[in-house]
């Protein structure tokens, strides 16, 4: 099969337009159209439904687009590996993690990484959905569970627990709850048990809901929960990795916590020798070592 025709087909399918694809490829619309028709003839299949507003892939077109998309991702990975093997730490690095960990722990530490590698271009992809690393939806992931795919290199970074926290101001004003029953006198701030989050966090919230909670605020991410706590709205269910960066948090009911949540860094086997991956991995590990030392010094467990 002609690679040039496949490359042009992929650009058209991605853009949904002959004109836009031609602009990207520096080809005329008629030249792009001829190549697509020639590919259709060689395959004896119609790849696009042609409409006045653009092009829509047929079922056969979708199958071919899936194949060319996978090919492009493999080519991108190969290109990155070649460049990484010859040059320094620079270029794009797509990092995926959860909204909470990305906004509250990782992002505030990135200035240190940029100070060391100013030519890095980090694309921080924050979502609860697990992106497919072997299919190159991202280059490296920090996940709140061990990855299941066999073709990933993984490194356990640390463990996290969800615990109860309040602001110092709120504690000074309303006092510390001494038992779970005392939570009824306070507003609880947490993620909804049905929202996307780690299972241990959802289980803890569900258990807390069995008590007589008179006032409740649910937010769909930990950043929102933290803002509620810092603004004295109530007692929040938050991950314990916040204690270093937010010393104004006071832990409530120390015996109450979620099960252990393992935090893993993972990346595809094919990126084993990537200098960008190595730089990011080493940076995260150094930050976690520093974080652990601080907690030990403070006597926090």
C-alpha atoms as a PDB file:
ATOM      1  CA  UNK A   1       0.000   0.000   0.000  1.00  0.00           C
ATOM      2  CA  UNK A   2       1.320   3.436  -0.982  1.00  0.00           C
ATOM      3  CA  UNK A   3       2.604   5.263   2.115  1.00  0.00           C
ATOM      4  CA  UNK A   4       2.117   8.713   0.571  1.00  0.00           C
ATOM      5  CA  UNK A   5      -1.552   7.958  -0.056  1.00  0.00           C
ATOM      6  CA  UNK A   6      -1.977   6.703   3.507  1.00  0.00           C
ATOM      7  CA  UNK A   7      -0.302   9.827   4.869  1.00  0.00           C
ATOM      8  CA  UNK A   8      -2.650  12.038   2.838  1.00  0.00           C
ATOM      9  CA  UNK A   9      -5.691   9.966   3.837  1.00  0.00           C
ATOM     10  CA  UNK A  10      -4.724  10.331   7.516  1.00  0.00           C
ATOM     11  CA  UNK A  11      -4.426  14.112   7.201  1.00  0.00           C
ATOM     12  CA  UNK A  12      -7.841  14.345   5.494  1.00  0.00           C
ATOM     13  CA  UNK A  13      -9.503  12.084   8.080  1.00  0.00           C
ATOM     14  CA  UNK A  14      -7.942  14.064  10.914  1.00  0.00           C
ATOM     15  CA  UNK A  15      -8.924  17.457   9.458  1.00  0.00           C
ATOM     16  CA  UNK A  16     -12.309  16.400   8.059  1.00  0.00           C
ATOM     17  CA  UNK A  17     -11.642  18.563   5.026  1.00  0.00           C
ATOM     18  CA  UNK A  18      -9.679  18.313   1.780  1.00  0.00           C
ATOM     19  CA  UNK A  19      -8.833  22.013   1.960  1.00  0.00           C
ATOM     20  CA  UNK A  20      -7.513  21.942   5.535  1.00  0.00           C
ATOM     21  CA  UNK A  21      -5.545  18.765   4.864  1.00  0.00           C
ATOM     22  CA  UNK A  22      -4.049  20.355   1.759  1.00  0.00           C
ATOM     23  CA  UNK A  23      -2.984  23.392   3.786  1.00  0.00           C
ATOM     24  CA  UNK A  24      -1.212  21.147   6.313  1.00  0.00           C
ATOM     25  CA  UNK A  25       0.484  19.098   3.592  1.00  0.00           C
ATOM     26  CA  UNK A  26       1.233  22.053   1.307  1.00  0.00           C
ATOM     27  CA  UNK A  27      -0.746  20.426  -1.509  1.00  0.00           C
ATOM     28  CA  UNK A  28      -3.624  21.714  -3.593  1.00  0.00           C
ATOM     29  CA  UNK A  29      -7.143  20.498  -2.835  1.00  0.00           C
ATOM     30  CA  UNK A  30      -7.306  18.775  -6.230  1.00  0.00           C
ATOM     31  CA  UNK A  31      -4.037  16.913  -5.585  1.00  0.00           C
ATOM     32  CA  UNK A  32      -5.305  15.709  -2.198  1.00  0.00           C
ATOM     33  CA  UNK A  33      -8.616  14.637  -3.740  1.00  0.00           C
ATOM     34  CA  UNK A  34      -6.844  12.653  -6.486  1.00  0.00           C
ATOM     35  CA  UNK A  35      -4.721  10.778  -3.953  1.00  0.00           C
ATOM     36  CA  UNK A  36      -7.743   9.895  -1.797  1.00  0.00           C
ATOM     37  CA  UNK A  37      -9.699   8.637  -4.822  1.00  0.00           C
ATOM     38  CA  UNK A  38      -6.708   6.601  -5.981  1.00  0.00           C
ATOM     39  CA  UNK A  39      -6.487   5.005  -2.515  1.00  0.00           C
ATOM     40  CA  UNK A  40     -10.209   4.205  -2.577  1.00  0.00           C
ATOM     41  CA  UNK A  41      -9.798   2.582  -5.998  1.00  0.00           C
ATOM     42  CA  UNK A  42      -6.828   0.492  -4.858  1.00  0.00           C
ATOM     43  CA  UNK A  43      -8.818  -0.737  -1.845  1.00  0.00           C
ATOM     44  CA  UNK A  44     -12.073  -1.040  -3.789  1.00  0.00           C
ATOM     45  CA  UNK A  45     -13.798   0.769  -0.909  1.00  0.00           C
ATOM     46  CA  UNK A  46     -15.394   4.144  -0.206  1.00  0.00           C
ATOM     47  CA  UNK A  47     -13.530   5.800   2.672  1.00  0.00           C
ATOM     48  CA  UNK A  48     -15.480   9.069   2.999  1.00  0.00           C
ATOM     49  CA  UNK A  49     -19.067  10.239   2.732  1.00  0.00           C
ATOM     50  CA  UNK A  50     -18.822  13.576   0.966  1.00  0.00           C
ATOM     51  CA  UNK A  51     -21.120  16.353   2.222  1.00  0.00           C
ATOM     52  CA  UNK A  52     -21.344  20.067   1.529  1.00  0.00           C
ATOM     53  CA  UNK A  53     -20.051  20.769   5.057  1.00  0.00           C
ATOM     54  CA  UNK A  54     -17.126  18.363   4.894  1.00  0.00           C
ATOM     55  CA  UNK A  55     -16.132  14.714   4.902  1.00  0.00           C
ATOM     56  CA  UNK A  56     -17.338  11.937   7.203  1.00  0.00           C
ATOM     57  CA  UNK A  57     -15.533   8.611   7.449  1.00  0.00           C
ATOM     58  CA  UNK A  58     -17.366   5.486   6.336  1.00  0.00           C
ATOM     59  CA  UNK A  59     -17.096   2.287   8.363  1.00  0.00           C
ATOM     60  CA  UNK A  60     -14.192   1.190   6.145  1.00  0.00           C
ATOM     61  CA  UNK A  61     -12.654   4.643   6.521  1.00  0.00           C
ATOM     62  CA  UNK A  62     -12.850   4.387  10.320  1.00  0.00           C
ATOM     63  CA  UNK A  63     -10.992   1.066  10.209  1.00  0.00           C
ATOM     64  CA  UNK A  64      -8.225   2.533   8.076  1.00  0.00           C
ATOM     65  CA  UNK A  65      -8.044   5.706  10.200  1.00  0.00           C
ATOM     66  CA  UNK A  66      -7.581   3.593  13.347  1.00  0.00           C
ATOM     67  CA  UNK A  67      -4.677   1.850  11.619  1.00  0.00           C
ATOM     68  CA  UNK A  68      -3.005   5.041  10.358  1.00  0.00           C
ATOM     69  CA  UNK A  69      -3.460   6.707  13.754  1.00  0.00           C
ATOM     70  CA  UNK A  70      -1.643   3.810  15.438  1.00  0.00           C
ATOM     71  CA  UNK A  71       1.088   4.006  12.787  1.00  0.00           C
ATOM     72  CA  UNK A  72       1.525   7.744  13.348  1.00  0.00           C
ATOM     73  CA  UNK A  73       1.828   7.250  17.094  1.00  0.00           C
ATOM     74  CA  UNK A  74       4.465   4.573  16.583  1.00  0.00           C
ATOM     75  CA  UNK A  75       6.362   6.856  14.217  1.00  0.00           C
ATOM     76  CA  UNK A  76       6.193   9.697  16.743  1.00  0.00           C
ATOM     77  CA  UNK A  77       7.542   7.355  19.416  1.00  0.00           C
ATOM     78  CA  UNK A  78      10.368   6.190  17.153  1.00  0.00           C
ATOM     79  CA  UNK A  79      11.250   9.776  16.245  1.00  0.00           C
ATOM     80  CA  UNK A  80      11.299  10.760  19.915  1.00  0.00           C
ATOM     81  CA  UNK A  81      13.545   7.801  20.765  1.00  0.00           C
ATOM     82  CA  UNK A  82      15.998   8.654  17.988  1.00  0.00           C
ATOM     83  CA  UNK A  83      16.170  12.299  19.044  1.00  0.00           C
ATOM     84  CA  UNK A  84      16.428  11.373  22.722  1.00  0.00           C
ATOM     85  CA  UNK A  85      19.321   9.023  22.023  1.00  0.00           C
ATOM     86  CA  UNK A  86      21.295  11.767  20.274  1.00  0.00           C
ATOM     87  CA  UNK A  87      20.380  15.017  21.970  1.00  0.00           C
ATOM     88  CA  UNK A  88      19.666  16.573  25.350  1.00  0.00           C
ATOM     89  CA  UNK A  89      16.482  16.872  27.388  1.00  0.00           C
ATOM     90  CA  UNK A  90      14.076  18.999  25.360  1.00  0.00           C
ATOM     91  CA  UNK A  91      10.833  18.787  23.408  1.00  0.00           C
ATOM     92  CA  UNK A  92       7.299  17.741  24.319  1.00  0.00           C
ATOM     93  CA  UNK A  93       6.506  15.449  27.232  1.00  0.00           C
ATOM     94  CA  UNK A  94       2.853  14.494  27.739  1.00  0.00           C
ATOM     95  CA  UNK A  95       2.183  13.737  31.393  1.00  0.00           C
ATOM     96  CA  UNK A  96      -1.153  12.398  32.600  1.00  0.00           C
ATOM     97  CA  UNK A  97      -2.366  12.134  36.182  1.00  0.00           C
ATOM     98  CA  UNK A  98      -5.478  12.811  38.246  1.00  0.00           C
ATOM     99  CA  UNK A  99      -6.869  16.314  38.636  1.00  0.00           C
ATOM    100  CA  UNK A 100      -6.151  16.350  42.365  1.00  0.00           C
ATOM    101  CA  UNK A 101      -2.558  15.117  42.231  1.00  0.00           C
ATOM    102  CA  UNK A 102      -1.770  17.191  39.153  1.00  0.00           C
ATOM    103  CA  UNK A 103      -3.071  20.506  40.472  1.00  0.00           C
ATOM    104  CA  UNK A 104      -2.193  20.146  44.150  1.00  0.00           C
ATOM    105  CA  UNK A 105       1.111  18.238  44.167  1.00  0.00           C
ATOM    106  CA  UNK A 106       2.752  18.034  40.742  1.00  0.00           C
ATOM    107  CA  UNK A 107       2.097  21.437  39.142  1.00  0.00           C
ATOM    108  CA  UNK A 108       3.480  23.500  42.079  1.00  0.00           C
ATOM    109  CA  UNK A 109       6.767  21.565  41.802  1.00  0.00           C
ATOM    110  CA  UNK A 110       7.268  21.915  38.048  1.00  0.00           C
ATOM    111  CA  UNK A 111       9.268  25.195  38.298  1.00  0.00           C
ATOM    112  CA  UNK A 112      12.165  23.117  39.671  1.00  0.00           C
ATOM    113  CA  UNK A 113      12.024  20.826  36.632  1.00  0.00           C
ATOM    114  CA  UNK A 114      11.892  23.758  34.202  1.00  0.00           C
ATOM    115  CA  UNK A 115      14.810  25.423  35.991  1.00  0.00           C
ATOM    116  CA  UNK A 116      16.911  22.348  35.253  1.00  0.00           C
ATOM    117  CA  UNK A 117      15.523  21.663  31.754  1.00  0.00           C
ATOM    118  CA  UNK A 118      14.226  24.960  30.313  1.00  0.00           C
ATOM    119  CA  UNK A 119      13.683  23.487  26.835  1.00  0.00           C
ATOM    120  CA  UNK A 120      11.110  20.928  27.979  1.00  0.00           C
ATOM    121  CA  UNK A 121       7.538  21.415  26.768  1.00  0.00           C
ATOM    122  CA  UNK A 122       5.263  19.657  29.233  1.00  0.00           C
ATOM    123  CA  UNK A 123       1.663  18.920  28.299  1.00  0.00           C
ATOM    124  CA  UNK A 124      -0.042  18.208  31.637  1.00  0.00           C
ATOM    125  CA  UNK A 125      -3.162  16.129  30.923  1.00  0.00           C
ATOM    126  CA  UNK A 126      -5.328  16.050  34.050  1.00  0.00           C
ATOM    127  CA  UNK A 127      -8.285  13.692  34.130  1.00  0.00           C
ATOM    128  CA  UNK A 128      -9.575  10.737  36.101  1.00  0.00           C
ATOM    129  CA  UNK A 129      -9.786   8.561  32.967  1.00  0.00           C
ATOM    130  CA  UNK A 130      -6.812   6.234  32.540  1.00  0.00           C
ATOM    131  CA  UNK A 131      -5.139   7.136  29.249  1.00  0.00           C
ATOM    132  CA  UNK A 132      -3.696   4.368  27.068  1.00  0.00           C
ATOM    133  CA  UNK A 133       0.095   4.704  27.237  1.00  0.00           C
ATOM    134  CA  UNK A 134       0.970   1.924  24.741  1.00  0.00           C
ATOM    135  CA  UNK A 135      -1.312   3.688  22.222  1.00  0.00           C
ATOM    136  CA  UNK A 136       0.582   6.924  22.965  1.00  0.00           C
ATOM    137  CA  UNK A 137      -2.340   8.885  24.405  1.00  0.00           C
ATOM    138  CA  UNK A 138       0.352  10.138  26.801  1.00  0.00           C
ATOM    139  CA  UNK A 139       4.067   9.523  27.362  1.00  0.00           C
ATOM    140  CA  UNK A 140       4.150   9.029  31.119  1.00  0.00           C
ATOM    141  CA  UNK A 141       1.501   8.627  33.809  1.00  0.00           C
ATOM    142  CA  UNK A 142       1.237   9.003  37.560  1.00  0.00           C
ATOM    143  CA  UNK A 143      -1.646   6.784  38.633  1.00  0.00           C
ATOM    144  CA  UNK A 144      -3.378   6.060  41.920  1.00  0.00           C
ATOM    145  CA  UNK A 145      -3.200   2.302  41.304  1.00  0.00           C
ATOM    146  CA  UNK A 146      -0.798  -0.196  39.757  1.00  0.00           C
ATOM    147  CA  UNK A 147      -1.087  -0.216  35.944  1.00  0.00           C
ATOM    148  CA  UNK A 148      -2.530  -3.436  34.539  1.00  0.00           C
ATOM    149  CA  UNK A 149      -0.826  -3.450  31.117  1.00  0.00           C
ATOM    150  CA  UNK A 150       2.155  -5.795  30.882  1.00  0.00           C
ATOM    151  CA  UNK A 151       4.155  -3.654  28.434  1.00  0.00           C
ATOM    152  CA  UNK A 152       4.630  -0.738  30.836  1.00  0.00           C
ATOM    153  CA  UNK A 153       7.608   0.088  33.016  1.00  0.00           C
ATOM    154  CA  UNK A 154       6.272   1.015  36.439  1.00  0.00           C
ATOM    155  CA  UNK A 155       7.755   2.455  39.615  1.00  0.00           C
ATOM    156  CA  UNK A 156       5.910   2.682  42.918  1.00  0.00           C
ATOM    157  CA  UNK A 157       6.375   6.206  44.240  1.00  0.00           C
ATOM    158  CA  UNK A 158       4.533   6.356  47.540  1.00  0.00           C
ATOM    159  CA  UNK A 159       1.266   5.576  49.295  1.00  0.00           C
ATOM    160  CA  UNK A 160      -1.566   8.008  49.934  1.00  0.00           C
ATOM    161  CA  UNK A 161      -4.446   7.980  52.436  1.00  0.00           C
ATOM    162  CA  UNK A 162      -7.587  10.102  52.459  1.00  0.00           C
ATOM    163  CA  UNK A 163      -8.024  11.786  55.836  1.00  0.00           C
ATOM    164  CA  UNK A 164     -10.105  14.449  57.559  1.00  0.00           C
ATOM    165  CA  UNK A 165      -8.772  18.020  57.691  1.00  0.00           C
ATOM    166  CA  UNK A 166      -9.984  21.440  58.824  1.00  0.00           C
ATOM    167  CA  UNK A 167      -8.440  24.899  58.797  1.00  0.00           C
ATOM    168  CA  UNK A 168      -6.739  26.254  61.909  1.00  0.00           C
ATOM    169  CA  UNK A 169      -9.265  29.102  61.945  1.00  0.00           C
ATOM    170  CA  UNK A 170     -12.216  26.732  61.963  1.00  0.00           C
ATOM    171  CA  UNK A 171     -10.693  24.639  64.743  1.00  0.00           C
ATOM    172  CA  UNK A 172     -10.028  27.782  66.824  1.00  0.00           C
ATOM    173  CA  UNK A 173     -13.639  28.850  66.318  1.00  0.00           C
ATOM    174  CA  UNK A 174     -15.541  25.563  66.664  1.00  0.00           C
ATOM    175  CA  UNK A 175     -13.123  23.232  68.438  1.00  0.00           C
ATOM    176  CA  UNK A 176     -11.922  19.765  67.476  1.00  0.00           C
ATOM    177  CA  UNK A 177     -14.438  16.939  67.012  1.00  0.00           C
ATOM    178  CA  UNK A 178     -13.524  14.106  69.371  1.00  0.00           C
ATOM    179  CA  UNK A 179     -15.678  11.350  67.870  1.00  0.00           C
ATOM    180  CA  UNK A 180     -17.345  10.582  64.551  1.00  0.00           C
ATOM    181  CA  UNK A 181     -20.640  11.488  66.166  1.00  0.00           C
ATOM    182  CA  UNK A 182     -19.296  15.023  66.642  1.00  0.00           C
ATOM    183  CA  UNK A 183     -19.105  15.451  62.844  1.00  0.00           C
ATOM    184  CA  UNK A 184     -22.836  16.138  62.929  1.00  0.00           C
ATOM    185  CA  UNK A 185     -22.027  19.598  64.336  1.00  0.00           C
ATOM    186  CA  UNK A 186     -19.853  20.435  61.324  1.00  0.00           C
ATOM    187  CA  UNK A 187     -20.237  20.688  57.578  1.00  0.00           C
ATOM    188  CA  UNK A 188     -18.560  17.842  55.678  1.00  0.00           C
ATOM    189  CA  UNK A 189     -16.802  18.696  52.398  1.00  0.00           C
ATOM    190  CA  UNK A 190     -15.948  15.796  50.118  1.00  0.00           C
ATOM    191  CA  UNK A 191     -16.212  14.276  46.700  1.00  0.00           C
ATOM    192  CA  UNK A 192     -19.501  12.595  45.909  1.00  0.00           C
ATOM    193  CA  UNK A 193     -19.022   8.824  46.340  1.00  0.00           C
ATOM    194  CA  UNK A 194     -20.305   8.393  42.767  1.00  0.00           C
ATOM    195  CA  UNK A 195     -17.789  10.820  41.242  1.00  0.00           C
ATOM    196  CA  UNK A 196     -14.600   9.613  39.524  1.00  0.00           C
ATOM    197  CA  UNK A 197     -11.995   9.037  42.235  1.00  0.00           C
ATOM    198  CA  UNK A 198      -9.907   6.305  43.818  1.00  0.00           C
ATOM    199  CA  UNK A 199     -11.959   3.520  45.368  1.00  0.00           C
ATOM    200  CA  UNK A 200     -10.490   3.994  48.852  1.00  0.00           C
ATOM    201  CA  UNK A 201     -11.623   7.624  48.904  1.00  0.00           C
ATOM    202  CA  UNK A 202     -15.135   6.733  47.769  1.00  0.00           C
ATOM    203  CA  UNK A 203     -15.357   4.033  50.445  1.00  0.00           C
ATOM    204  CA  UNK A 204     -14.316   6.434  53.213  1.00  0.00           C
ATOM    205  CA  UNK A 205     -16.856   9.034  52.082  1.00  0.00           C
ATOM    206  CA  UNK A 206     -19.607   6.402  51.925  1.00  0.00           C
ATOM    207  CA  UNK A 207     -18.763   5.319  55.485  1.00  0.00           C
ATOM    208  CA  UNK A 208     -18.850   8.920  56.736  1.00  0.00           C
ATOM    209  CA  UNK A 209     -22.237   9.433  55.111  1.00  0.00           C
ATOM    210  CA  UNK A 210     -23.722   6.779  57.419  1.00  0.00           C
ATOM    211  CA  UNK A 211     -23.307   9.206  60.319  1.00  0.00           C
ATOM    212  CA  UNK A 212     -25.737  12.020  61.006  1.00  0.00           C
ATOM    213  CA  UNK A 213     -24.175  14.678  58.751  1.00  0.00           C
ATOM    214  CA  UNK A 214     -26.461  17.713  58.928  1.00  0.00           C
ATOM    215  CA  UNK A 215     -24.668  19.891  56.359  1.00  0.00           C
ATOM    216  CA  UNK A 216     -22.803  18.688  53.289  1.00  0.00           C
ATOM    217  CA  UNK A 217     -20.844  20.135  50.364  1.00  0.00           C
ATOM    218  CA  UNK A 218     -19.760  17.777  47.576  1.00  0.00           C
ATOM    219  CA  UNK A 219     -17.262  18.803  44.899  1.00  0.00           C
ATOM    220  CA  UNK A 220     -16.104  16.754  41.908  1.00  0.00           C
ATOM    221  CA  UNK A 221     -12.361  17.209  42.578  1.00  0.00           C
ATOM    222  CA  UNK A 222      -9.989  17.607  45.521  1.00  0.00           C
ATOM    223  CA  UNK A 223      -8.961  21.123  44.531  1.00  0.00           C
ATOM    224  CA  UNK A 224     -12.531  22.267  45.199  1.00  0.00           C
ATOM    225  CA  UNK A 225     -12.629  20.373  48.491  1.00  0.00           C
ATOM    226  CA  UNK A 226      -9.366  22.037  49.558  1.00  0.00           C
ATOM    227  CA  UNK A 227     -10.664  25.513  48.726  1.00  0.00           C
ATOM    228  CA  UNK A 228     -13.744  24.862  50.833  1.00  0.00           C
ATOM    229  CA  UNK A 229     -11.608  23.779  53.785  1.00  0.00           C
ATOM    230  CA  UNK A 230      -9.190  26.716  53.471  1.00  0.00           C
ATOM    231  CA  UNK A 231     -12.159  29.087  53.435  1.00  0.00           C
ATOM    232  CA  UNK A 232     -13.499  27.638  56.698  1.00  0.00           C
ATOM    233  CA  UNK A 233     -16.576  25.999  55.179  1.00  0.00           C
ATOM    234  CA  UNK A 234     -16.142  22.768  57.096  1.00  0.00           C
ATOM    235  CA  UNK A 235     -14.168  19.557  57.532  1.00  0.00           C
ATOM    236  CA  UNK A 236     -12.837  18.057  54.317  1.00  0.00           C
ATOM    237  CA  UNK A 237     -11.852  14.620  53.082  1.00  0.00           C
ATOM    238  CA  UNK A 238      -8.470  15.194  51.436  1.00  0.00           C
ATOM    239  CA  UNK A 239      -5.361  13.227  50.391  1.00  0.00           C
ATOM    240  CA  UNK A 240      -2.572  13.359  52.949  1.00  0.00           C
ATOM    241  CA  UNK A 241       0.047  14.589  50.436  1.00  0.00           C
ATOM    242  CA  UNK A 242      -1.340  18.096  51.012  1.00  0.00           C
ATOM    243  CA  UNK A 243       0.048  18.393  54.537  1.00  0.00           C
ATOM    244  CA  UNK A 244       3.473  19.638  53.391  1.00  0.00           C
ATOM    245  CA  UNK A 245       2.261  22.386  51.058  1.00  0.00           C
ATOM    246  CA  UNK A 246      -0.655  23.525  53.234  1.00  0.00           C
ATOM    247  CA  UNK A 247       0.549  23.710  56.855  1.00  0.00           C
ATOM    248  CA  UNK A 248      -2.641  25.562  57.796  1.00  0.00           C
ATOM    249  CA  UNK A 249      -4.500  22.240  57.602  1.00  0.00           C
ATOM    250  CA  UNK A 250      -5.220  20.478  60.893  1.00  0.00           C
ATOM    251  CA  UNK A 251      -5.875  16.758  60.896  1.00  0.00           C
ATOM    252  CA  UNK A 252      -9.194  15.793  62.469  1.00  0.00           C
ATOM    253  CA  UNK A 253      -9.924  12.416  64.124  1.00  0.00           C
ATOM    254  CA  UNK A 254      -6.503  10.789  63.442  1.00  0.00           C
ATOM    255  CA  UNK A 255      -7.984   7.298  63.667  1.00  0.00           C
ATOM    256  CA  UNK A 256     -10.158   7.960  60.597  1.00  0.00           C
ATOM    257  CA  UNK A 257      -8.503   7.346  57.235  1.00  0.00           C
ATOM    258  CA  UNK A 258      -9.024   5.480  53.994  1.00  0.00           C
ATOM    259  CA  UNK A 259      -7.264   2.342  52.915  1.00  0.00           C
ATOM    260  CA  UNK A 260      -3.835   2.671  51.338  1.00  0.00           C
ATOM    261  CA  UNK A 261      -3.717   4.102  47.804  1.00  0.00           C
ATOM    262  CA  UNK A 262      -0.520   3.157  45.918  1.00  0.00           C
ATOM    263  CA  UNK A 263       0.898   5.823  43.592  1.00  0.00           C
ATOM    264  CA  UNK A 264       2.740   4.552  40.507  1.00  0.00           C
ATOM    265  CA  UNK A 265       4.726   6.215  37.745  1.00  0.00           C
ATOM    266  CA  UNK A 266       4.452   4.334  34.437  1.00  0.00           C
ATOM    267  CA  UNK A 267       5.609   4.697  30.851  1.00  0.00           C
ATOM    268  CA  UNK A 268       5.812   2.452  27.756  1.00  0.00           C
ATOM    269  CA  UNK A 269       8.690   0.008  27.403  1.00  0.00           C
ATOM    270  CA  UNK A 270       9.592   1.606  24.065  1.00  0.00           C
ATOM    271  CA  UNK A 271      10.406   4.882  25.877  1.00  0.00           C
ATOM    272  CA  UNK A 272      12.830   3.207  28.286  1.00  0.00           C
ATOM    273  CA  UNK A 273      15.795   5.160  26.878  1.00  0.00           C
ATOM    274  CA  UNK A 274      14.018   8.511  26.499  1.00  0.00           C
ATOM    275  CA  UNK A 275      16.020  11.283  28.149  1.00  0.00           C
ATOM    276  CA  UNK A 276      12.826  13.272  28.731  1.00  0.00           C
ATOM    277  CA  UNK A 277      11.194  10.358  30.547  1.00  0.00           C
ATOM    278  CA  UNK A 278      14.335   9.757  32.623  1.00  0.00           C
ATOM    279  CA  UNK A 279      14.556  13.436  33.566  1.00  0.00           C
ATOM    280  CA  UNK A 280      10.899  13.544  34.620  1.00  0.00           C
ATOM    281  CA  UNK A 281      11.090  10.223  36.498  1.00  0.00           C
ATOM    282  CA  UNK A 282      14.198  11.286  38.426  1.00  0.00           C
ATOM    283  CA  UNK A 283      12.659  14.677  39.219  1.00  0.00           C
ATOM    284  CA  UNK A 284       9.473  13.127  40.643  1.00  0.00           C
ATOM    285  CA  UNK A 285      11.435  10.604  42.692  1.00  0.00           C
ATOM    286  CA  UNK A 286      13.682  13.329  44.124  1.00  0.00           C
ATOM    287  CA  UNK A 287      10.648  15.415  45.086  1.00  0.00           C
ATOM    288  CA  UNK A 288       9.023  12.457  46.811  1.00  0.00           C
ATOM    289  CA  UNK A 289      12.212  11.658  48.742  1.00  0.00           C
ATOM    290  CA  UNK A 290      12.330  15.296  49.887  1.00  0.00           C
ATOM    291  CA  UNK A 291       8.623  15.144  50.789  1.00  0.00           C
ATOM    292  CA  UNK A 292       9.094  11.965  52.845  1.00  0.00           C
ATOM    293  CA  UNK A 293      12.088  13.410  54.711  1.00  0.00           C
ATOM    294  CA  UNK A 294      10.056  16.477  55.624  1.00  0.00           C
ATOM    295  CA  UNK A 295       7.178  14.368  56.937  1.00  0.00           C
ATOM    296  CA  UNK A 296       9.586  12.242  58.973  1.00  0.00           C
ATOM    297  CA  UNK A 297      11.179  15.371  60.437  1.00  0.00           C
ATOM    298  CA  UNK A 298       7.724  16.650  61.375  1.00  0.00           C
ATOM    299  CA  UNK A 299       6.760  13.300  62.893  1.00  0.00           C
ATOM    300  CA  UNK A 300       3.901  12.869  60.424  1.00  0.00           C
ATOM    301  CA  UNK A 301       2.928   9.326  59.443  1.00  0.00           C
END
